[in-house]
Amino acid sequence: IVRKLPDGALVSLTEDGASGRLTIEAGRS
């Protein structure tokens, strides 16, 4: 995922303990 994101992007990672998921956001992805 990170390799395919555009250069210079700011990546936000959020983990929600209740759902057991890690959300990765960068721009519109």
PDB file of all heavy atoms in Angstrom:
ATOM      1  N   ILE A   1       0.852  -1.215   0.000  1.00  0.00           N
ATOM      2  CA  ILE A   1       0.000   0.000   0.000  1.00  0.00           C
ATOM      3  C   ILE A   1       0.876   1.249   0.000  1.00  0.00           C
ATOM      4  O   ILE A   1       0.701   2.163  -0.825  1.00  0.00           O
ATOM      5  CB  ILE A   1      -0.940  -0.006   1.223  1.00  0.00           C
ATOM      6  CG1 ILE A   1      -2.038  -1.068   1.041  1.00  0.00           C
ATOM      7  CG2 ILE A   1      -1.576   1.376   1.441  1.00  0.00           C
ATOM      8  CD1 ILE A   1      -2.896  -1.295   2.282  1.00  0.00           C
ATOM      9  N   VAL A   2       1.825   1.303   0.926  1.00  0.00           N
ATOM     10  CA  VAL A   2       2.661   2.511   1.081  1.00  0.00           C
ATOM     11  C   VAL A   2       3.508   2.735  -0.177  1.00  0.00           C
ATOM     12  O   VAL A   2       3.699   3.862  -0.627  1.00  0.00           O
ATOM     13  CB  VAL A   2       3.551   2.394   2.337  1.00  0.00           C
ATOM     14  CG1 VAL A   2       4.434   3.630   2.477  1.00  0.00           C
ATOM     15  CG2 VAL A   2       2.692   2.233   3.588  1.00  0.00           C
ATOM     16  N   ARG A   3       3.978   1.634  -0.763  1.00  0.00           N
ATOM     17  CA  ARG A   3       4.805   1.742  -1.967  1.00  0.00           C
ATOM     18  C   ARG A   3       4.043   2.377  -3.123  1.00  0.00           C
ATOM     19  O   ARG A   3       4.618   3.106  -3.937  1.00  0.00           O
ATOM     20  CB  ARG A   3       5.279   0.337  -2.358  1.00  0.00           C
ATOM     21  CG  ARG A   3       6.398   0.292  -3.378  1.00  0.00           C
ATOM     22  CD  ARG A   3       6.897  -1.125  -3.574  1.00  0.00           C
ATOM     23  NE  ARG A   3       5.859  -2.035  -4.050  1.00  0.00           N
ATOM     24  CZ  ARG A   3       5.468  -2.129  -5.316  1.00  0.00           C
ATOM     25  NH1 ARG A   3       6.005  -1.350  -6.234  1.00  0.00           N
ATOM     26  NH2 ARG A   3       4.536  -2.997  -5.682  1.00  0.00           N
ATOM     27  N   LYS A   4       2.741   2.121  -3.179  1.00  0.00           N
ATOM     28  CA  LYS A   4       1.931   2.621  -4.298  1.00  0.00           C
ATOM     29  C   LYS A   4       1.352   4.009  -4.052  1.00  0.00           C
ATOM     30  O   LYS A   4       0.717   4.580  -4.938  1.00  0.00           O
ATOM     31  CB  LYS A   4       0.808   1.618  -4.598  1.00  0.00           C
ATOM     32  CG  LYS A   4       1.348   0.301  -5.157  1.00  0.00           C
ATOM     33  CD  LYS A   4       0.291  -0.775  -5.240  1.00  0.00           C
ATOM     34  CE  LYS A   4       0.898  -2.087  -5.728  1.00  0.00           C
ATOM     35  NZ  LYS A   4      -0.056  -3.195  -5.721  1.00  0.00           N
ATOM     36  N   LEU A   5       1.563   4.542  -2.847  1.00  0.00           N
ATOM     37  CA  LEU A   5       1.071   5.905  -2.576  1.00  0.00           C
ATOM     38  C   LEU A   5       1.988   6.916  -3.264  1.00  0.00           C
ATOM     39  O   LEU A   5       3.165   6.641  -3.496  1.00  0.00           O
ATOM     40  CB  LEU A   5       1.057   6.167  -1.064  1.00  0.00           C
ATOM     41  CG  LEU A   5       0.016   5.385  -0.255  1.00  0.00           C
ATOM     42  CD1 LEU A   5       0.201   5.640   1.235  1.00  0.00           C
ATOM     43  CD2 LEU A   5      -1.403   5.740  -0.670  1.00  0.00           C
ATOM     44  N   PRO A   6       1.461   8.104  -3.602  1.00  0.00           N
ATOM     45  CA  PRO A   6       2.295   9.097  -4.307  1.00  0.00           C
ATOM     46  C   PRO A   6       3.426   9.630  -3.431  1.00  0.00           C
ATOM     47  O   PRO A   6       3.297   9.698  -2.205  1.00  0.00           O
ATOM     48  CB  PRO A   6       1.301  10.210  -4.674  1.00  0.00           C
ATOM     49  CG  PRO A   6       0.118   9.999  -3.788  1.00  0.00           C
ATOM     50  CD  PRO A   6       0.064   8.550  -3.452  1.00  0.00           C
ATOM     51  N   ASP A   7       4.533  10.017  -4.079  1.00  0.00           N
ATOM     52  CA  ASP A   7       5.679  10.611  -3.372  1.00  0.00           C
ATOM     53  C   ASP A   7       5.239  11.838  -2.589  1.00  0.00           C
ATOM     54  O   ASP A   7       4.416  12.620  -3.063  1.00  0.00           O
ATOM     55  CB  ASP A   7       6.751  11.054  -4.382  1.00  0.00           C
ATOM     56  CG  ASP A   7       7.682   9.917  -4.729  1.00  0.00           C
ATOM     57  OD1 ASP A   7       7.619   8.894  -4.026  1.00  0.00           O
ATOM     58  OD2 ASP A   7       8.447  10.043  -5.695  1.00  0.00           O
ATOM     59  N   GLY A   8       5.820  12.008  -1.411  1.00  0.00           N
ATOM     60  CA  GLY A   8       5.550  13.224  -0.637  1.00  0.00           C
ATOM     61  C   GLY A   8       4.237  13.215   0.104  1.00  0.00           C
ATOM     62  O   GLY A   8       3.886  14.203   0.768  1.00  0.00           O
ATOM     63  N   ALA A   9       3.473  12.126  -0.002  1.00  0.00           N
ATOM     64  CA  ALA A   9       2.160  12.091   0.672  1.00  0.00           C
ATOM     65  C   ALA A   9       2.338  12.037   2.189  1.00  0.00           C
ATOM     66  O   ALA A   9       3.306  11.486   2.706  1.00  0.00           O
ATOM     67  CB  ALA A   9       1.383  10.864   0.200  1.00  0.00           C
ATOM     68  N   LEU A  10       1.387  12.617   2.898  1.00  0.00           N
ATOM     69  CA  LEU A  10       1.344  12.496   4.356  1.00  0.00           C
ATOM     70  C   LEU A  10       0.348  11.373   4.644  1.00  0.00           C
ATOM     71  O   LEU A  10      -0.799  11.423   4.207  1.00  0.00           O
ATOM     72  CB  LEU A  10       0.886  13.811   5.000  1.00  0.00           C
ATOM     73  CG  LEU A  10       0.965  13.830   6.540  1.00  0.00           C
ATOM     74  CD1 LEU A  10       2.416  13.796   7.010  1.00  0.00           C
ATOM     75  CD2 LEU A  10       0.267  15.056   7.110  1.00  0.00           C
ATOM     76  N   VAL A  11       0.807  10.352   5.348  1.00  0.00           N
ATOM     77  CA  VAL A  11      -0.028   9.169   5.579  1.00  0.00           C
ATOM     78  C   VAL A  11      -0.532   9.172   7.018  1.00  0.00           C
ATOM     79  O   VAL A  11       0.241   9.375   7.953  1.00  0.00           O
ATOM     80  CB  VAL A  11       0.775   7.873   5.313  1.00  0.00           C
ATOM     81  CG1 VAL A  11      -0.134   6.649   5.368  1.00  0.00           C
ATOM     82  CG2 VAL A  11       1.486   7.950   3.966  1.00  0.00           C
ATOM     83  N   SER A  12      -1.826   8.961   7.155  1.00  0.00           N
ATOM     84  CA  SER A  12      -2.426   8.932   8.495  1.00  0.00           C
ATOM     85  C   SER A  12      -2.860   7.500   8.812  1.00  0.00           C
ATOM     86  O   SER A  12      -3.544   6.861   8.013  1.00  0.00           O
ATOM     87  CB  SER A  12      -3.631   9.877   8.522  1.00  0.00           C
ATOM     88  OG  SER A  12      -4.300   9.744   9.748  1.00  0.00           O
ATOM     89  N   LEU A  13      -2.436   6.974   9.953  1.00  0.00           N
ATOM     90  CA  LEU A  13      -2.809   5.622  10.374  1.00  0.00           C
ATOM     91  C   LEU A  13      -3.605   5.693  11.674  1.00  0.00           C
ATOM     92  O   LEU A  13      -3.152   6.299  12.647  1.00  0.00           O
ATOM     93  CB  LEU A  13      -1.568   4.741  10.579  1.00  0.00           C
ATOM     94  CG  LEU A  13      -0.839   4.300   9.291  1.00  0.00           C
ATOM     95  CD1 LEU A  13       0.166   5.346   8.866  1.00  0.00           C
ATOM     96  CD2 LEU A  13      -0.137   2.961   9.484  1.00  0.00           C
ATOM     97  N   THR A  14      -4.775   5.088  11.643  1.00  0.00           N
ATOM     98  CA  THR A  14      -5.650   5.106  12.820  1.00  0.00           C
ATOM     99  C   THR A  14      -6.096   3.689  13.137  1.00  0.00           C
ATOM    100  O   THR A  14      -6.571   2.969  12.246  1.00  0.00           O
ATOM    101  CB  THR A  14      -6.902   5.972  12.544  1.00  0.00           C
ATOM    102  OG1 THR A  14      -6.491   7.227  12.001  1.00  0.00           O
ATOM    103  CG2 THR A  14      -7.713   6.196  13.811  1.00  0.00           C
ATOM    104  N   GLU A  15      -5.925   3.310  14.404  1.00  0.00           N
ATOM    105  CA  GLU A  15      -6.369   1.972  14.800  1.00  0.00           C
ATOM    106  C   GLU A  15      -7.560   2.101  15.726  1.00  0.00           C
ATOM    107  O   GLU A  15      -7.544   2.860  16.701  1.00  0.00           O
ATOM    108  CB  GLU A  15      -5.237   1.224  15.515  1.00  0.00           C
ATOM    109  CG  GLU A  15      -5.553  -0.240  15.751  1.00  0.00           C
ATOM    110  CD  GLU A  15      -5.643  -0.604  17.229  1.00  0.00           C
ATOM    111  OE1 GLU A  15      -5.260   0.214  18.081  1.00  0.00           O
ATOM    112  OE2 GLU A  15      -6.119  -1.710  17.521  1.00  0.00           O
ATOM    113  N   ASP A  16      -8.611   1.363  15.379  1.00  0.00           N
ATOM    114  CA  ASP A  16      -9.822   1.370  16.205  1.00  0.00           C
ATOM    115  C   ASP A  16      -9.882   0.032  16.929  1.00  0.00           C
ATOM    116  O   ASP A  16     -10.117  -1.012  16.308  1.00  0.00           O
ATOM    117  CB  ASP A  16     -11.051   1.570  15.291  1.00  0.00           C
ATOM    118  CG  ASP A  16     -12.349   1.532  16.086  1.00  0.00           C
ATOM    119  OD1 ASP A  16     -12.256   1.526  17.329  1.00  0.00           O
ATOM    120  OD2 ASP A  16     -13.417   1.494  15.464  1.00  0.00           O
ATOM    121  N   GLY A  17      -9.611   0.062  18.225  1.00  0.00           N
ATOM    122  CA  GLY A  17      -9.551  -1.165  19.016  1.00  0.00           C
ATOM    123  C   GLY A  17     -10.827  -1.983  18.953  1.00  0.00           C
ATOM    124  O   GLY A  17     -10.788  -3.218  18.924  1.00  0.00           O
ATOM    125  N   ALA A  18     -11.966  -1.311  18.886  1.00  0.00           N
ATOM    126  CA  ALA A  18     -13.254  -2.023  18.919  1.00  0.00           C
ATOM    127  C   ALA A  18     -13.467  -2.864  17.665  1.00  0.00           C
ATOM    128  O   ALA A  18     -13.921  -4.012  17.737  1.00  0.00           O
ATOM    129  CB  ALA A  18     -14.390  -1.014  19.073  1.00  0.00           C
ATOM    130  N   SER A  19     -13.122  -2.307  16.502  1.00  0.00           N
ATOM    131  CA  SER A  19     -13.389  -3.027  15.250  1.00  0.00           C
ATOM    132  C   SER A  19     -12.231  -3.933  14.825  1.00  0.00           C
ATOM    133  O   SER A  19     -12.380  -4.762  13.930  1.00  0.00           O
ATOM    134  CB  SER A  19     -13.673  -2.027  14.117  1.00  0.00           C
ATOM    135  OG  SER A  19     -12.504  -1.268  13.854  1.00  0.00           O
ATOM    136  N   GLY A  20     -11.054  -3.755  15.462  1.00  0.00           N
ATOM    137  CA  GLY A  20      -9.900  -4.565  15.092  1.00  0.00           C
ATOM    138  C   GLY A  20      -9.401  -4.258  13.696  1.00  0.00           C
ATOM    139  O   GLY A  20      -8.946  -5.141  12.978  1.00  0.00           O
ATOM    140  N   ARG A  21      -9.524  -2.981  13.288  1.00  0.00           N
ATOM    141  CA  ARG A  21      -9.051  -2.586  11.948  1.00  0.00           C
ATOM    142  C   ARG A  21      -8.057  -1.430  12.059  1.00  0.00           C
ATOM    143  O   ARG A  21      -8.124  -0.618  12.977  1.00  0.00           O
ATOM    144  CB  ARG A  21     -10.216  -2.103  11.064  1.00  0.00           C
ATOM    145  CG  ARG A  21     -11.384  -3.060  10.923  1.00  0.00           C
ATOM    146  CD  ARG A  21     -11.020  -4.338  10.246  1.00  0.00           C
ATOM    147  NE  ARG A  21     -11.362  -4.405   8.841  1.00  0.00           N
ATOM    148  CZ  ARG A  21     -11.222  -5.531   8.136  1.00  0.00           C
ATOM    149  NH1 ARG A  21     -10.739  -6.618   8.694  1.00  0.00           N
ATOM    150  NH2 ARG A  21     -11.545  -5.567   6.869  1.00  0.00           N
ATOM    151  N   LEU A  22      -7.137  -1.382  11.086  1.00  0.00           N
ATOM    152  CA  LEU A  22      -6.223  -0.249  10.978  1.00  0.00           C
ATOM    153  C   LEU A  22      -6.581   0.497   9.696  1.00  0.00           C
ATOM    154  O   LEU A  22      -6.604  -0.088   8.614  1.00  0.00           O
ATOM    155  CB  LEU A  22      -4.765  -0.724  10.908  1.00  0.00           C
ATOM    156  CG  LEU A  22      -3.718   0.385  10.723  1.00  0.00           C
ATOM    157  CD1 LEU A  22      -3.561   1.193  12.004  1.00  0.00           C
ATOM    158  CD2 LEU A  22      -2.363  -0.198  10.314  1.00  0.00           C
ATOM    159  N   THR A  23      -6.892   1.783   9.830  1.00  0.00           N
ATOM    160  CA  THR A  23      -7.253   2.599   8.669  1.00  0.00           C
ATOM    161  C   THR A  23      -6.031   3.398   8.218  1.00  0.00           C
ATOM    162  O   THR A  23      -5.353   4.027   9.037  1.00  0.00           O
ATOM    163  CB  THR A  23      -8.398   3.566   9.019  1.00  0.00           C
ATOM    164  OG1 THR A  23      -9.479   2.800   9.560  1.00  0.00           O
ATOM    165  CG2 THR A  23      -8.890   4.318   7.797  1.00  0.00           C
ATOM    166  N   ILE A  24      -5.775   3.353   6.926  1.00  0.00           N
ATOM    167  CA  ILE A  24      -4.639   4.088   6.350  1.00  0.00           C
ATOM    168  C   ILE A  24      -5.213   5.094   5.356  1.00  0.00           C
ATOM    169  O   ILE A  24      -5.915   4.716   4.411  1.00  0.00           O
ATOM    170  CB  ILE A  24      -3.669   3.122   5.632  1.00  0.00           C
ATOM    171  CG1 ILE A  24      -3.166   2.065   6.619  1.00  0.00           C
ATOM    172  CG2 ILE A  24      -2.500   3.867   5.010  1.00  0.00           C
ATOM    173  CD1 ILE A  24      -2.849   0.747   5.990  1.00  0.00           C
ATOM    174  N   GLU A  25      -4.918   6.367   5.573  1.00  0.00           N
ATOM    175  CA  GLU A  25      -5.446   7.419   4.685  1.00  0.00           C
ATOM    176  C   GLU A  25      -4.303   8.263   4.143  1.00  0.00           C
ATOM    177  O   GLU A  25      -3.383   8.625   4.883  1.00  0.00           O
ATOM    178  CB  GLU A  25      -6.413   8.325   5.458  1.00  0.00           C
ATOM    179  CG  GLU A  25      -7.687   7.612   5.903  1.00  0.00           C
ATOM    180  CD  GLU A  25      -8.501   8.487   6.853  1.00  0.00           C
ATOM    181  OE1 GLU A  25      -8.078   8.653   8.007  1.00  0.00           O
ATOM    182  OE2 GLU A  25      -9.532   9.005   6.402  1.00  0.00           O
ATOM    183  N   ALA A  26      -4.382   8.561   2.855  1.00  0.00           N
ATOM    184  CA  ALA A  26      -3.415   9.459   2.220  1.00  0.00           C
ATOM    185  C   ALA A  26      -4.126  10.127   1.056  1.00  0.00           C
ATOM    186  O   ALA A  26      -4.545   9.449   0.117  1.00  0.00           O
ATOM    187  CB  ALA A  26      -2.200   8.678   1.740  1.00  0.00           C
ATOM    188  N   GLY A  27      -4.273  11.439   1.132  1.00  0.00           N
ATOM    189  CA  GLY A  27      -5.014  12.145   0.084  1.00  0.00           C
ATOM    190  C   GLY A  27      -6.421  11.572  -0.017  1.00  0.00           C
ATOM    191  O   GLY A  27      -7.149  11.493   0.962  1.00  0.00           O
ATOM    192  N   ARG A  28      -6.781  11.103  -1.222  1.00  0.00           N
ATOM    193  CA  ARG A  28      -8.129  10.544  -1.414  1.00  0.00           C
ATOM    194  C   ARG A  28      -8.157   9.022  -1.274  1.00  0.00           C
ATOM    195  O   ARG A  28      -9.203   8.407  -1.483  1.00  0.00           O
ATOM    196  CB  ARG A  28      -8.634  10.931  -2.804  1.00  0.00           C
ATOM    197  CG  ARG A  28      -8.809  12.438  -2.962  1.00  0.00           C
ATOM    198  CD  ARG A  28      -9.320  12.780  -4.340  1.00  0.00           C
ATOM    199  NE  ARG A  28      -9.462  14.206  -4.527  1.00  0.00           N
ATOM    200  CZ  ARG A  28      -9.898  14.770  -5.632  1.00  0.00           C
ATOM    201  NH1 ARG A  28     -10.231  14.007  -6.664  1.00  0.00           N
ATOM    202  NH2 ARG A  28     -10.000  16.075  -5.752  1.00  0.00           N
ATOM    203  N   SER A  29      -7.009   8.445  -0.947  1.00  0.00           N
ATOM    204  CA  SER A  29      -6.956   6.981  -0.781  1.00  0.00           C
ATOM    205  C   SER A  29      -7.299   6.599   0.657  1.00  0.00           C
ATOM    206  O   SER A  29      -6.918   7.286   1.600  1.00  0.00           O
ATOM    207  CB  SER A  29      -5.552   6.454  -1.101  1.00  0.00           C
ATOM    208  OG  SER A  29      -5.165   6.849  -2.393  1.00  0.00           O
TER     209      SER A  29
END
